[in-house]
């Protein structure tokens, strides 16, 4: 029986609706404008999400497939452990701390094309949606090494929640960079 909480697909739906109606409806000049030195443009924020989530999706797809093959199905609703709640709190907007990006493969480019980034983001979200649908049949308490911080072991459900919180964080940042009001 799929677990009822948290509803990752509803969170992804809300993110998709927000991006479609607020960010991707803006002209390219607003998406590519860098607000100040050392800050990303709105488009760079979206590109960063696309690059980072690709690593997550690839790794977590393996974890979900392996958990299904092992018969690790949900036996009770998933709840975040206290460490997971702290991680989510840190990631949710507005940003509480600035985290340096040491890995070049997840840093956005300086000359990204709006149409290319939009298409990659939308494809990545289709892949993320598929992953979230597949994960509904897996025990979210399955643990794995974090794809970026390999010394850290986390539960699958916490990492899925963190992906979505990270999306909201950078979409908040993207809106600010584009000169939009944020709440």
C-alpha atoms as a PDB file:
ATOM      1  CA  UNK A   1       0.000   0.000   0.000  1.00  0.00           C
ATOM      2  CA  UNK A   2       1.539   3.372  -0.985  1.00  0.00           C
ATOM      3  CA  UNK A   3       2.189   5.667   1.952  1.00  0.00           C
ATOM      4  CA  UNK A   4       0.162   8.868   2.213  1.00  0.00           C
ATOM      5  CA  UNK A   5       2.834  11.260   3.482  1.00  0.00           C
ATOM      6  CA  UNK A   6       4.591  13.300   2.354  1.00  0.00           C
ATOM      7  CA  UNK A   7       2.895  14.018  -0.948  1.00  0.00           C
ATOM      8  CA  UNK A   8       5.923  14.581  -3.159  1.00  0.00           C
ATOM      9  CA  UNK A   9       3.888  14.589  -6.376  1.00  0.00           C
ATOM     10  CA  UNK A  10       1.638  17.406  -5.126  1.00  0.00           C
ATOM     11  CA  UNK A  11       4.751  19.384  -4.186  1.00  0.00           C
ATOM     12  CA  UNK A  12       6.200  18.837  -7.666  1.00  0.00           C
ATOM     13  CA  UNK A  13       2.884  19.898  -9.254  1.00  0.00           C
ATOM     14  CA  UNK A  14       2.982  23.152  -7.271  1.00  0.00           C
ATOM     15  CA  UNK A  15       6.589  23.804  -8.309  1.00  0.00           C
ATOM     16  CA  UNK A  16       5.795  23.116 -11.973  1.00  0.00           C
ATOM     17  CA  UNK A  17       2.800  25.450 -11.907  1.00  0.00           C
ATOM     18  CA  UNK A  18       4.855  28.181 -10.232  1.00  0.00           C
ATOM     19  CA  UNK A  19       7.684  27.926 -12.766  1.00  0.00           C
ATOM     20  CA  UNK A  20       5.331  27.863 -15.754  1.00  0.00           C
ATOM     21  CA  UNK A  21       3.228  30.822 -14.638  1.00  0.00           C
ATOM     22  CA  UNK A  22       5.935  32.997 -13.115  1.00  0.00           C
ATOM     23  CA  UNK A  23       9.400  32.289 -14.477  1.00  0.00           C
ATOM     24  CA  UNK A  24       9.066  30.813 -17.932  1.00  0.00           C
ATOM     25  CA  UNK A  25       6.490  33.433 -18.838  1.00  0.00           C
ATOM     26  CA  UNK A  26       9.107  36.187 -18.443  1.00  0.00           C
ATOM     27  CA  UNK A  27      11.076  37.623 -21.362  1.00  0.00           C
ATOM     28  CA  UNK A  28      14.621  36.306 -21.835  1.00  0.00           C
ATOM     29  CA  UNK A  29      16.134  39.638 -20.746  1.00  0.00           C
ATOM     30  CA  UNK A  30      14.656  39.264 -17.252  1.00  0.00           C
ATOM     31  CA  UNK A  31      15.623  35.606 -16.980  1.00  0.00           C
ATOM     32  CA  UNK A  32      19.245  36.228 -17.931  1.00  0.00           C
ATOM     33  CA  UNK A  33      19.772  39.445 -15.950  1.00  0.00           C
ATOM     34  CA  UNK A  34      22.299  39.011 -13.145  1.00  0.00           C
ATOM     35  CA  UNK A  35      21.179  41.130 -10.182  1.00  0.00           C
ATOM     36  CA  UNK A  36      24.724  41.800  -8.910  1.00  0.00           C
ATOM     37  CA  UNK A  37      28.216  40.369  -8.893  1.00  0.00           C
ATOM     38  CA  UNK A  38      28.336  36.979  -7.256  1.00  0.00           C
ATOM     39  CA  UNK A  39      24.623  36.280  -7.719  1.00  0.00           C
ATOM     40  CA  UNK A  40      22.978  34.050 -10.297  1.00  0.00           C
ATOM     41  CA  UNK A  41      20.432  35.104 -12.852  1.00  0.00           C
ATOM     42  CA  UNK A  42      17.018  33.452 -12.732  1.00  0.00           C
ATOM     43  CA  UNK A  43      18.024  31.245 -15.643  1.00  0.00           C
ATOM     44  CA  UNK A  44      21.222  30.164 -13.877  1.00  0.00           C
ATOM     45  CA  UNK A  45      19.153  29.174 -10.817  1.00  0.00           C
ATOM     46  CA  UNK A  46      16.953  26.972 -13.007  1.00  0.00           C
ATOM     47  CA  UNK A  47      19.969  25.525 -14.813  1.00  0.00           C
ATOM     48  CA  UNK A  48      21.609  24.679 -11.473  1.00  0.00           C
ATOM     49  CA  UNK A  49      18.476  22.790 -10.419  1.00  0.00           C
ATOM     50  CA  UNK A  50      18.498  20.866 -13.682  1.00  0.00           C
ATOM     51  CA  UNK A  51      22.159  19.896 -13.334  1.00  0.00           C
ATOM     52  CA  UNK A  52      21.903  18.941  -9.675  1.00  0.00           C
ATOM     53  CA  UNK A  53      18.666  17.019  -9.997  1.00  0.00           C
ATOM     54  CA  UNK A  54      20.069  14.970 -12.874  1.00  0.00           C
ATOM     55  CA  UNK A  55      22.642  13.513 -10.463  1.00  0.00           C
ATOM     56  CA  UNK A  56      19.940  12.860  -7.848  1.00  0.00           C
ATOM     57  CA  UNK A  57      17.526  11.268 -10.311  1.00  0.00           C
ATOM     58  CA  UNK A  58      20.136   8.937 -11.760  1.00  0.00           C
ATOM     59  CA  UNK A  59      21.284   7.741  -8.328  1.00  0.00           C
ATOM     60  CA  UNK A  60      17.831   7.519  -6.737  1.00  0.00           C
ATOM     61  CA  UNK A  61      16.401   5.615  -9.689  1.00  0.00           C
ATOM     62  CA  UNK A  62      18.968   2.902  -8.957  1.00  0.00           C
ATOM     63  CA  UNK A  63      18.067   2.918  -5.257  1.00  0.00           C
ATOM     64  CA  UNK A  64      14.328   2.644  -5.954  1.00  0.00           C
ATOM     65  CA  UNK A  65      14.816  -0.196  -8.451  1.00  0.00           C
ATOM     66  CA  UNK A  66      17.059  -2.029  -5.989  1.00  0.00           C
ATOM     67  CA  UNK A  67      14.570  -1.543  -3.136  1.00  0.00           C
ATOM     68  CA  UNK A  68      11.746  -2.888  -5.308  1.00  0.00           C
ATOM     69  CA  UNK A  69      13.830  -5.915  -6.286  1.00  0.00           C
ATOM     70  CA  UNK A  70      14.520  -6.580  -2.586  1.00  0.00           C
ATOM     71  CA  UNK A  71      10.836  -6.251  -1.732  1.00  0.00           C
ATOM     72  CA  UNK A  72      11.346  -3.184   0.486  1.00  0.00           C
ATOM     73  CA  UNK A  73       7.781  -1.948   0.421  1.00  0.00           C
ATOM     74  CA  UNK A  74       6.199   0.612   2.737  1.00  0.00           C
ATOM     75  CA  UNK A  75       4.813  -0.859   5.937  1.00  0.00           C
ATOM     76  CA  UNK A  76       3.873   2.422   7.602  1.00  0.00           C
ATOM     77  CA  UNK A  77       3.718   6.113   6.662  1.00  0.00           C
ATOM     78  CA  UNK A  78       7.066   7.830   6.277  1.00  0.00           C
ATOM     79  CA  UNK A  79       7.961  10.580   8.719  1.00  0.00           C
ATOM     80  CA  UNK A  80      11.133  12.613   8.599  1.00  0.00           C
ATOM     81  CA  UNK A  81      13.697  11.890  11.296  1.00  0.00           C
ATOM     82  CA  UNK A  82      14.841  14.960  13.255  1.00  0.00           C
ATOM     83  CA  UNK A  83      17.951  15.253  11.070  1.00  0.00           C
ATOM     84  CA  UNK A  84      15.755  15.252   7.977  1.00  0.00           C
ATOM     85  CA  UNK A  85      13.555  17.995   9.426  1.00  0.00           C
ATOM     86  CA  UNK A  86      16.667  20.121  10.036  1.00  0.00           C
ATOM     87  CA  UNK A  87      17.906  19.561   6.470  1.00  0.00           C
ATOM     88  CA  UNK A  88      14.513  20.552   5.049  1.00  0.00           C
ATOM     89  CA  UNK A  89      14.322  23.633   7.273  1.00  0.00           C
ATOM     90  CA  UNK A  90      17.764  24.751   6.052  1.00  0.00           C
ATOM     91  CA  UNK A  91      16.821  24.228   2.403  1.00  0.00           C
ATOM     92  CA  UNK A  92      13.370  25.844   2.394  1.00  0.00           C
ATOM     93  CA  UNK A  93      13.174  29.495   1.320  1.00  0.00           C
ATOM     94  CA  UNK A  94      14.104  32.052   2.255  1.00  0.00           C
ATOM     95  CA  UNK A  95      17.733  30.859   2.379  1.00  0.00           C
ATOM     96  CA  UNK A  96      19.116  30.658   5.902  1.00  0.00           C
ATOM     97  CA  UNK A  97      22.722  29.995   4.922  1.00  0.00           C
ATOM     98  CA  UNK A  98      24.685  30.250   1.684  1.00  0.00           C
ATOM     99  CA  UNK A  99      26.189  26.950   0.641  1.00  0.00           C
ATOM    100  CA  UNK A 100      29.228  27.072  -1.657  1.00  0.00           C
ATOM    101  CA  UNK A 101      29.029  25.009  -4.850  1.00  0.00           C
ATOM    102  CA  UNK A 102      32.361  23.174  -5.056  1.00  0.00           C
ATOM    103  CA  UNK A 103      31.401  20.776  -7.832  1.00  0.00           C
ATOM    104  CA  UNK A 104      31.785  22.242 -11.327  1.00  0.00           C
ATOM    105  CA  UNK A 105      29.225  19.873 -12.856  1.00  0.00           C
ATOM    106  CA  UNK A 106      26.370  21.480 -10.901  1.00  0.00           C
ATOM    107  CA  UNK A 107      27.406  25.109 -11.312  1.00  0.00           C
ATOM    108  CA  UNK A 108      25.407  26.934 -13.982  1.00  0.00           C
ATOM    109  CA  UNK A 109      27.040  28.280 -17.127  1.00  0.00           C
ATOM    110  CA  UNK A 110      27.451  31.952 -17.897  1.00  0.00           C
ATOM    111  CA  UNK A 111      25.956  31.702 -21.376  1.00  0.00           C
ATOM    112  CA  UNK A 112      22.943  29.434 -21.053  1.00  0.00           C
ATOM    113  CA  UNK A 113      20.215  29.653 -23.676  1.00  0.00           C
ATOM    114  CA  UNK A 114      16.667  30.124 -22.336  1.00  0.00           C
ATOM    115  CA  UNK A 115      15.056  27.558 -24.651  1.00  0.00           C
ATOM    116  CA  UNK A 116      17.754  24.957 -23.942  1.00  0.00           C
ATOM    117  CA  UNK A 117      17.494  25.390 -20.159  1.00  0.00           C
ATOM    118  CA  UNK A 118      13.681  25.358 -20.289  1.00  0.00           C
ATOM    119  CA  UNK A 119      13.643  22.128 -22.309  1.00  0.00           C
ATOM    120  CA  UNK A 120      16.221  20.455 -20.040  1.00  0.00           C
ATOM    121  CA  UNK A 121      14.337  21.551 -16.901  1.00  0.00           C
ATOM    122  CA  UNK A 122      11.023  20.274 -18.225  1.00  0.00           C
ATOM    123  CA  UNK A 123      12.562  16.917 -19.242  1.00  0.00           C
ATOM    124  CA  UNK A 124      14.257  16.604 -15.892  1.00  0.00           C
ATOM    125  CA  UNK A 125      10.919  17.247 -14.161  1.00  0.00           C
ATOM    126  CA  UNK A 126       9.254  14.525 -16.210  1.00  0.00           C
ATOM    127  CA  UNK A 127      12.034  12.192 -15.059  1.00  0.00           C
ATOM    128  CA  UNK A 128      11.646  13.390 -11.462  1.00  0.00           C
ATOM    129  CA  UNK A 129       7.890  12.789 -11.634  1.00  0.00           C
ATOM    130  CA  UNK A 130       8.519   9.235 -12.853  1.00  0.00           C
ATOM    131  CA  UNK A 131      10.979   8.660 -10.002  1.00  0.00           C
ATOM    132  CA  UNK A 132       8.486   9.975  -7.427  1.00  0.00           C
ATOM    133  CA  UNK A 133       5.753   7.736  -8.847  1.00  0.00           C
ATOM    134  CA  UNK A 134       8.065   4.708  -8.653  1.00  0.00           C
ATOM    135  CA  UNK A 135       9.142   5.607  -5.111  1.00  0.00           C
ATOM    136  CA  UNK A 136       5.530   5.437  -3.887  1.00  0.00           C
ATOM    137  CA  UNK A 137       5.847   1.644  -3.791  1.00  0.00           C
ATOM    138  CA  UNK A 138       9.114   1.634  -1.824  1.00  0.00           C
ATOM    139  CA  UNK A 139       9.854   2.020   1.879  1.00  0.00           C
ATOM    140  CA  UNK A 140      11.141   5.597   2.084  1.00  0.00           C
ATOM    141  CA  UNK A 141      13.161   4.636   5.162  1.00  0.00           C
ATOM    142  CA  UNK A 142      15.650   2.822   2.900  1.00  0.00           C
ATOM    143  CA  UNK A 143      19.044   4.423   3.534  1.00  0.00           C
ATOM    144  CA  UNK A 144      21.720   5.406   1.060  1.00  0.00           C
ATOM    145  CA  UNK A 145      24.842   7.499   0.848  1.00  0.00           C
ATOM    146  CA  UNK A 146      24.057  11.049  -0.189  1.00  0.00           C
ATOM    147  CA  UNK A 147      24.948  11.527  -3.882  1.00  0.00           C
ATOM    148  CA  UNK A 148      26.998  14.683  -3.177  1.00  0.00           C
ATOM    149  CA  UNK A 149      28.101  14.303   0.445  1.00  0.00           C
ATOM    150  CA  UNK A 150      29.127  10.656   0.388  1.00  0.00           C
ATOM    151  CA  UNK A 151      30.134  10.596   4.068  1.00  0.00           C
ATOM    152  CA  UNK A 152      26.470  11.173   4.946  1.00  0.00           C
ATOM    153  CA  UNK A 153      23.820   8.430   4.965  1.00  0.00           C
ATOM    154  CA  UNK A 154      20.192   9.544   4.634  1.00  0.00           C
ATOM    155  CA  UNK A 155      16.797   8.001   4.144  1.00  0.00           C
ATOM    156  CA  UNK A 156      15.366   7.985   0.633  1.00  0.00           C
ATOM    157  CA  UNK A 157      12.339   9.998   1.786  1.00  0.00           C
ATOM    158  CA  UNK A 158      14.532  12.698   3.291  1.00  0.00           C
ATOM    159  CA  UNK A 159      16.523  13.062   0.077  1.00  0.00           C
ATOM    160  CA  UNK A 160      13.333  13.257  -2.005  1.00  0.00           C
ATOM    161  CA  UNK A 161      11.994  15.944   0.329  1.00  0.00           C
ATOM    162  CA  UNK A 162      15.330  17.777   0.142  1.00  0.00           C
ATOM    163  CA  UNK A 163      15.230  17.807  -3.665  1.00  0.00           C
ATOM    164  CA  UNK A 164      11.857  19.556  -3.594  1.00  0.00           C
ATOM    165  CA  UNK A 165      12.907  21.983  -0.830  1.00  0.00           C
ATOM    166  CA  UNK A 166      16.039  22.795  -2.849  1.00  0.00           C
ATOM    167  CA  UNK A 167      13.813  23.495  -5.866  1.00  0.00           C
ATOM    168  CA  UNK A 168      11.687  25.928  -3.852  1.00  0.00           C
ATOM    169  CA  UNK A 169      14.817  27.616  -2.472  1.00  0.00           C
ATOM    170  CA  UNK A 170      16.336  28.295  -5.890  1.00  0.00           C
ATOM    171  CA  UNK A 171      13.016  29.259  -7.462  1.00  0.00           C
ATOM    172  CA  UNK A 172      12.676  31.840  -4.677  1.00  0.00           C
ATOM    173  CA  UNK A 173      16.184  33.028  -5.592  1.00  0.00           C
ATOM    174  CA  UNK A 174      15.296  33.012  -9.313  1.00  0.00           C
ATOM    175  CA  UNK A 175      12.236  35.187  -8.722  1.00  0.00           C
ATOM    176  CA  UNK A 176      14.309  37.670  -6.735  1.00  0.00           C
ATOM    177  CA  UNK A 177      16.929  37.752  -9.512  1.00  0.00           C
ATOM    178  CA  UNK A 178      14.202  38.435 -12.072  1.00  0.00           C
ATOM    179  CA  UNK A 179      12.882  41.308  -9.974  1.00  0.00           C
ATOM    180  CA  UNK A 180       9.701  39.551  -8.904  1.00  0.00           C
ATOM    181  CA  UNK A 181       8.041  39.887  -5.511  1.00  0.00           C
ATOM    182  CA  UNK A 182       8.701  36.880  -3.268  1.00  0.00           C
ATOM    183  CA  UNK A 183       6.923  35.708  -0.171  1.00  0.00           C
END
